[in-house]
Amino acid sequence: PLKELIERHAGGVRGGWDNLLAIIPGGSSVPLIPKKICEDVLMDFDALVAVQSGLGTAAVI
């Protein structure tokens, strides 16, 4: 899941996961994903399309 990618491999959210509001999973060209969805969604094309977002450049912001 995207949460695991952020928490385990990217050093986590500054101040803890509760401070997160949303993530832009594919750079500035794709819609935000709210925190609730980030907890379970996979960082792949089909999973992100299913939550009305996208992979774009795969630059997580």
N, C-alpha and C. Protein backbone atom coordinates (compact mmCIF):
# COMPACT_ATOMS: atom_id res chain seq x y z
N PRO A 1 0.81 -1.21 0.00
CA PRO A 1 0.00 0.00 0.00
C PRO A 1 0.85 1.28 0.00
N LEU A 2 0.27 2.35 -0.45
CA LEU A 2 0.96 3.63 -0.52
C LEU A 2 1.44 4.08 0.85
N LYS A 3 0.66 3.81 1.90
CA LYS A 3 1.09 4.18 3.25
C LYS A 3 2.40 3.48 3.61
N GLU A 4 2.51 2.21 3.29
CA GLU A 4 3.75 1.48 3.59
C GLU A 4 4.93 2.05 2.81
N LEU A 5 4.71 2.40 1.56
CA LEU A 5 5.77 3.01 0.75
C LEU A 5 6.29 4.28 1.42
N ILE A 6 5.39 5.10 1.90
CA ILE A 6 5.78 6.37 2.53
C ILE A 6 6.40 6.14 3.90
N GLU A 7 5.78 5.33 4.72
CA GLU A 7 6.26 5.12 6.09
C GLU A 7 7.56 4.33 6.15
N ARG A 8 7.67 3.28 5.38
CA ARG A 8 8.83 2.39 5.47
C ARG A 8 10.00 2.84 4.60
N HIS A 9 9.71 3.28 3.38
CA HIS A 9 10.78 3.52 2.42
C HIS A 9 11.11 4.99 2.20
N ALA A 10 10.23 5.90 2.62
CA ALA A 10 10.47 7.33 2.38
C ALA A 10 10.63 8.13 3.66
N GLY A 11 10.72 7.47 4.80
CA GLY A 11 10.96 8.18 6.05
C GLY A 11 9.72 8.66 6.77
N GLY A 12 8.54 8.40 6.22
CA GLY A 12 7.29 8.75 6.89
C GLY A 12 6.88 10.20 6.72
N VAL A 13 5.77 10.54 7.32
CA VAL A 13 5.20 11.88 7.28
C VAL A 13 5.76 12.66 8.47
N ARG A 14 6.23 13.86 8.21
CA ARG A 14 6.76 14.70 9.30
C ARG A 14 5.66 14.93 10.34
N GLY A 15 5.94 14.60 11.59
CA GLY A 15 4.96 14.76 12.65
C GLY A 15 4.01 13.58 12.80
N GLY A 16 4.15 12.57 11.95
CA GLY A 16 3.30 11.38 12.04
C GLY A 16 2.21 11.33 11.00
N TRP A 17 1.69 10.13 10.78
CA TRP A 17 0.68 9.87 9.76
C TRP A 17 -0.57 10.72 9.97
N ASP A 18 -0.92 11.05 11.20
CA ASP A 18 -2.12 11.84 11.47
C ASP A 18 -2.04 13.25 10.90
N ASN A 19 -0.84 13.74 10.60
CA ASN A 19 -0.69 15.08 10.01
C ASN A 19 -0.97 15.10 8.51
N LEU A 20 -1.04 13.94 7.89
CA LEU A 20 -1.25 13.86 6.45
C LEU A 20 -2.69 14.21 6.10
N LEU A 21 -2.87 15.01 5.07
CA LEU A 21 -4.21 15.32 4.56
C LEU A 21 -4.48 14.56 3.27
N ALA A 22 -3.52 14.58 2.34
CA ALA A 22 -3.68 13.91 1.05
C ALA A 22 -2.31 13.74 0.41
N ILE A 23 -2.28 12.94 -0.64
CA ILE A 23 -1.05 12.70 -1.40
C ILE A 23 -1.35 12.90 -2.88
N ILE A 24 -0.38 13.47 -3.59
CA ILE A 24 -0.45 13.55 -5.05
C ILE A 24 0.45 12.43 -5.56
N PRO A 25 -0.13 11.31 -6.05
CA PRO A 25 0.68 10.14 -6.36
C PRO A 25 1.45 10.17 -7.67
N GLY A 26 1.15 11.11 -8.54
CA GLY A 26 1.81 11.08 -9.85
C GLY A 26 2.27 12.43 -10.32
N GLY A 27 2.64 13.30 -9.41
CA GLY A 27 3.04 14.64 -9.80
C GLY A 27 1.84 15.56 -9.90
N SER A 28 2.07 16.76 -10.36
CA SER A 28 1.02 17.79 -10.33
C SER A 28 -0.09 17.58 -11.35
N SER A 29 0.03 16.60 -12.22
CA SER A 29 -0.98 16.39 -13.26
C SER A 29 -2.11 15.44 -12.85
N VAL A 30 -2.08 14.90 -11.64
CA VAL A 30 -3.11 13.95 -11.22
C VAL A 30 -3.82 14.42 -9.95
N PRO A 31 -5.07 13.98 -9.74
CA PRO A 31 -5.83 14.40 -8.55
C PRO A 31 -5.23 13.87 -7.24
N LEU A 32 -5.51 14.60 -6.17
CA LEU A 32 -5.10 14.21 -4.82
C LEU A 32 -5.81 12.94 -4.38
N ILE A 33 -5.15 12.18 -3.52
CA ILE A 33 -5.77 11.03 -2.87
C ILE A 33 -5.85 11.35 -1.38
N PRO A 34 -7.06 11.33 -0.80
CA PRO A 34 -7.19 11.59 0.64
C PRO A 34 -6.47 10.53 1.48
N LYS A 35 -6.08 10.91 2.69
CA LYS A 35 -5.34 10.02 3.59
C LYS A 35 -6.03 8.67 3.76
N LYS A 36 -7.32 8.65 3.93
CA LYS A 36 -8.06 7.40 4.16
C LYS A 36 -7.81 6.38 3.05
N ILE A 37 -7.78 6.85 1.81
CA ILE A 37 -7.55 5.96 0.67
C ILE A 37 -6.09 5.53 0.61
N CYS A 38 -5.17 6.42 0.99
CA CYS A 38 -3.73 6.12 0.94
C CYS A 38 -3.35 4.94 1.83
N GLU A 39 -4.13 4.68 2.84
CA GLU A 39 -3.81 3.60 3.76
C GLU A 39 -3.86 2.24 3.09
N ASP A 40 -4.67 2.09 2.03
CA ASP A 40 -4.87 0.78 1.41
C ASP A 40 -4.52 0.70 -0.07
N VAL A 41 -4.50 1.83 -0.78
CA VAL A 41 -4.32 1.80 -2.24
C VAL A 41 -2.88 1.41 -2.60
N LEU A 42 -2.76 0.62 -3.67
CA LEU A 42 -1.45 0.24 -4.17
C LEU A 42 -0.92 1.31 -5.11
N MET A 43 0.39 1.42 -5.20
CA MET A 43 1.03 2.40 -6.07
C MET A 43 1.22 1.76 -7.44
N ASP A 44 0.10 1.47 -8.14
CA ASP A 44 0.19 0.98 -9.51
C ASP A 44 -0.92 1.61 -10.34
N PHE A 45 -0.80 1.49 -11.65
CA PHE A 45 -1.69 2.19 -12.57
C PHE A 45 -3.16 1.89 -12.29
N ASP A 46 -3.53 0.61 -12.28
CA ASP A 46 -4.94 0.23 -12.14
C ASP A 46 -5.53 0.64 -10.80
N ALA A 47 -4.78 0.47 -9.73
CA ALA A 47 -5.29 0.82 -8.39
C ALA A 47 -5.53 2.32 -8.28
N LEU A 48 -4.65 3.13 -8.83
CA LEU A 48 -4.81 4.59 -8.75
C LEU A 48 -5.94 5.08 -9.64
N VAL A 49 -6.13 4.46 -10.80
CA VAL A 49 -7.26 4.81 -11.67
C VAL A 49 -8.57 4.47 -10.96
N ALA A 50 -8.60 3.36 -10.23
CA ALA A 50 -9.81 2.95 -9.51
C ALA A 50 -10.23 3.95 -8.44
N VAL A 51 -9.30 4.75 -7.93
CA VAL A 51 -9.63 5.77 -6.92
C VAL A 51 -9.64 7.17 -7.54
N GLN A 52 -9.88 7.23 -8.85
CA GLN A 52 -9.98 8.48 -9.61
C GLN A 52 -8.72 9.35 -9.54
N SER A 53 -7.56 8.71 -9.55
CA SER A 53 -6.30 9.44 -9.62
C SER A 53 -5.47 8.79 -10.71
N GLY A 54 -4.18 8.85 -10.62
CA GLY A 54 -3.36 8.24 -11.65
C GLY A 54 -1.90 8.17 -11.24
N LEU A 55 -1.13 7.46 -12.04
CA LEU A 55 0.28 7.28 -11.75
C LEU A 55 1.12 8.43 -12.29
N GLY A 56 0.69 9.03 -13.39
CA GLY A 56 1.43 10.16 -13.96
C GLY A 56 2.91 9.87 -14.06
N THR A 57 3.75 10.73 -13.50
CA THR A 57 5.20 10.55 -13.52
C THR A 57 5.69 9.71 -12.35
N ALA A 58 4.77 9.29 -11.48
CA ALA A 58 5.07 8.50 -10.28
C ALA A 58 5.90 9.28 -9.27
N ALA A 59 5.82 10.59 -9.32
CA ALA A 59 6.50 11.45 -8.34
C ALA A 59 5.53 11.72 -7.20
N VAL A 60 5.72 11.09 -6.06
CA VAL A 60 4.81 11.25 -4.92
C VAL A 60 5.10 12.57 -4.23
N ILE A 61 4.06 13.40 -4.09
CA ILE A 61 4.19 14.71 -3.43
C ILE A 61 3.29 14.71 -2.20
